């Protein structure tokens, strides 16, 4: 979410929930069970809305959120499944097309584009005292299957 916090004053962000990547009734993954992210493939828009709202609440997701229609128009137009990042410029043209996730999903590439356009946002690492050992943190569960798209303001 850091990229959103860093550039939300310069660009509009939108996450679009598309079809489930690992639904319980198709291709369930052990990680979904571990993270308690277990949904059947939605058959109606109402079911997609319920899953999207659960995700937003459970993970306190701050980005604007859209939901693909049941004809999968956004997914088909942007090859969004299971996850992908696009940057759309002011004229509506795709300025950056990220690789398909999960293996080629690289938010750092989108950050590089935004930094080139609006300037790099740097964060200082918090100072650690010698007695402090870094704490292990579990990675947050991935979103159901969003595609993050941004458009410059």
Protein backbone atom coordinates (compact mmCIF):
# COMPACT_ATOMS: atom_id res chain seq x y z
CA UNK A 1 0.00 0.00 0.00
CA UNK A 2 3.03 2.24 0.26
CA UNK A 3 2.97 3.05 -3.45
CA UNK A 4 -0.63 4.22 -3.06
CA UNK A 5 0.20 6.40 -0.06
CA UNK A 6 3.21 7.86 -1.85
CA UNK A 7 1.50 8.76 -5.13
CA UNK A 8 -2.23 9.14 -4.40
CA UNK A 9 -1.93 12.92 -4.65
CA UNK A 10 -0.55 12.58 -8.19
CA UNK A 11 -2.45 9.60 -9.62
CA UNK A 12 -5.82 7.93 -9.25
CA UNK A 13 -5.66 4.31 -8.14
CA UNK A 14 -8.26 1.63 -8.72
CA UNK A 15 -8.23 -2.06 -7.84
CA UNK A 16 -10.66 -4.17 -9.84
CA UNK A 17 -11.82 -7.48 -8.44
CA UNK A 18 -12.06 -10.04 -11.25
CA UNK A 19 -12.87 -13.75 -11.15
CA UNK A 20 -11.42 -15.84 -8.33
CA UNK A 21 -7.96 -17.24 -9.01
CA UNK A 22 -8.25 -20.21 -6.63
CA UNK A 23 -11.91 -20.84 -5.82
CA UNK A 24 -12.94 -23.76 -3.63
CA UNK A 25 -14.93 -25.29 -6.49
CA UNK A 26 -12.11 -25.11 -9.07
CA UNK A 27 -8.44 -24.84 -8.09
CA UNK A 28 -8.18 -24.50 -4.31
CA UNK A 29 -4.70 -23.80 -2.93
CA UNK A 30 -3.37 -24.78 0.50
CA UNK A 31 -2.39 -21.15 1.06
CA UNK A 32 -6.06 -20.15 0.71
CA UNK A 33 -6.95 -22.54 3.52
CA UNK A 34 -4.08 -21.30 5.68
CA UNK A 35 -5.08 -17.65 5.11
CA UNK A 36 -8.81 -18.43 5.37
CA UNK A 37 -9.47 -16.97 1.93
CA UNK A 38 -11.86 -19.63 0.69
CA UNK A 39 -14.60 -18.72 -1.76
CA UNK A 40 -16.46 -20.58 -4.48
CA UNK A 41 -16.29 -18.99 -7.93
CA UNK A 42 -19.02 -16.32 -7.83
CA UNK A 43 -21.92 -17.00 -10.19
CA UNK A 44 -23.59 -13.60 -9.74
CA UNK A 45 -22.47 -10.00 -9.38
CA UNK A 46 -24.03 -9.98 -5.92
CA UNK A 47 -21.71 -12.83 -4.88
CA UNK A 48 -18.70 -10.92 -6.22
CA UNK A 49 -19.78 -7.87 -4.24
CA UNK A 50 -19.98 -9.92 -1.02
CA UNK A 51 -16.47 -11.34 -1.54
CA UNK A 52 -15.04 -7.93 -2.45
CA UNK A 53 -16.59 -6.31 0.62
CA UNK A 54 -15.27 -9.10 2.83
CA UNK A 55 -11.78 -8.53 1.45
CA UNK A 56 -11.94 -4.74 1.92
CA UNK A 57 -13.10 -5.08 5.53
CA UNK A 58 -10.88 -7.98 6.52
CA UNK A 59 -7.67 -6.50 5.15
CA UNK A 60 -8.59 -2.82 5.70
CA UNK A 61 -7.87 -2.23 2.01
CA UNK A 62 -7.60 1.55 1.47
CA UNK A 63 -7.57 1.78 -2.35
CA UNK A 64 -10.67 2.55 -4.39
CA UNK A 65 -12.19 -0.76 -5.40
CA UNK A 66 -14.19 -1.78 -8.47
CA UNK A 67 -15.78 -5.09 -9.34
CA UNK A 68 -15.69 -6.64 -12.81
CA UNK A 69 -19.08 -7.55 -14.24
CA UNK A 70 -20.06 -11.16 -14.82
CA UNK A 71 -19.09 -10.97 -18.50
CA UNK A 72 -15.52 -10.35 -17.22
CA UNK A 73 -15.11 -7.26 -19.39
CA UNK A 74 -12.21 -5.75 -17.41
CA UNK A 75 -10.48 -9.12 -17.09
CA UNK A 76 -10.80 -9.78 -20.82
CA UNK A 77 -9.75 -6.27 -21.85
CA UNK A 78 -6.72 -6.11 -19.58
CA UNK A 79 -5.75 -9.80 -19.19
CA UNK A 80 -6.07 -9.11 -15.49
CA UNK A 81 -6.33 -12.61 -14.04
CA UNK A 82 -4.91 -13.41 -11.57
CA UNK A 83 -3.31 -10.00 -11.00
CA UNK A 84 -1.77 -7.23 -13.05
CA UNK A 85 -0.84 -3.54 -12.83
CA UNK A 86 -1.57 -0.97 -15.51
CA UNK A 87 -0.88 2.75 -15.63
CA UNK A 88 -3.20 4.68 -17.90
CA UNK A 89 -2.13 8.22 -18.82
CA UNK A 90 -4.27 11.35 -19.07
CA UNK A 91 -5.16 10.61 -22.68
CA UNK A 92 -6.44 7.13 -21.81
CA UNK A 93 -3.44 5.31 -23.28
CA UNK A 94 -1.68 2.49 -21.48
CA UNK A 95 1.62 3.96 -20.30
CA UNK A 96 2.73 0.89 -18.35
CA UNK A 97 1.57 -2.72 -18.68
CA UNK A 98 2.87 -4.93 -15.90
CA UNK A 99 3.48 -8.63 -16.22
CA UNK A 100 0.87 -11.18 -15.29
CA UNK A 101 0.98 -12.33 -11.69
CA UNK A 102 1.94 -13.90 -9.60
CA UNK A 103 5.45 -14.44 -10.99
CA UNK A 104 5.65 -11.31 -13.16
CA UNK A 105 3.62 -9.04 -10.87
CA UNK A 106 6.18 -6.37 -9.99
CA UNK A 107 4.80 -3.28 -8.27
CA UNK A 108 8.36 -1.89 -8.12
CA UNK A 109 8.20 -1.38 -11.90
CA UNK A 110 5.05 0.73 -11.54
CA UNK A 111 6.74 2.65 -8.72
CA UNK A 112 9.71 3.35 -11.03
CA UNK A 113 7.35 4.76 -13.68
CA UNK A 114 5.55 6.94 -11.13
CA UNK A 115 8.87 8.12 -9.67
CA UNK A 116 10.13 9.09 -13.13
CA UNK A 117 6.94 11.04 -13.73
CA UNK A 118 6.38 12.65 -10.32
CA UNK A 119 9.65 12.30 -8.46
CA UNK A 120 10.92 9.58 -6.18
CA UNK A 121 9.48 9.32 -2.69
CA UNK A 122 12.11 8.16 -0.23
CA UNK A 123 11.50 6.69 3.18
CA UNK A 124 14.06 6.65 5.93
CA UNK A 125 14.49 3.36 7.70
CA UNK A 126 13.58 3.59 11.37
CA UNK A 127 16.62 3.71 13.60
CA UNK A 128 17.15 0.44 15.44
CA UNK A 129 18.98 0.15 18.70
CA UNK A 130 21.50 -2.68 19.11
CA UNK A 131 19.20 -4.43 21.59
CA UNK A 132 16.34 -4.56 19.10
CA UNK A 133 16.13 -7.62 16.93
CA UNK A 134 14.03 -7.34 13.79
CA UNK A 135 10.63 -8.90 14.32
CA UNK A 136 9.42 -11.56 11.94
CA UNK A 137 6.25 -10.60 10.17
CA UNK A 138 3.88 -12.77 8.26
CA UNK A 139 3.13 -11.55 4.76
CA UNK A 140 -0.46 -10.35 4.39
CA UNK A 141 -2.80 -12.60 2.46
CA UNK A 142 -3.07 -11.61 -1.19
CA UNK A 143 -6.25 -9.99 -2.46
CA UNK A 144 -8.83 -12.32 -4.01
CA UNK A 145 -7.69 -11.46 -7.57
CA UNK A 146 -7.50 -7.73 -8.14
CA UNK A 147 -5.95 -5.83 -10.94
CA UNK A 148 -4.56 -2.52 -9.85
CA UNK A 149 -4.91 0.20 -12.41
CA UNK A 150 -3.85 3.76 -12.08
CA UNK A 151 -4.53 6.78 -14.14
CA UNK A 152 -2.62 9.96 -13.78
CA UNK A 153 -4.58 12.96 -12.61
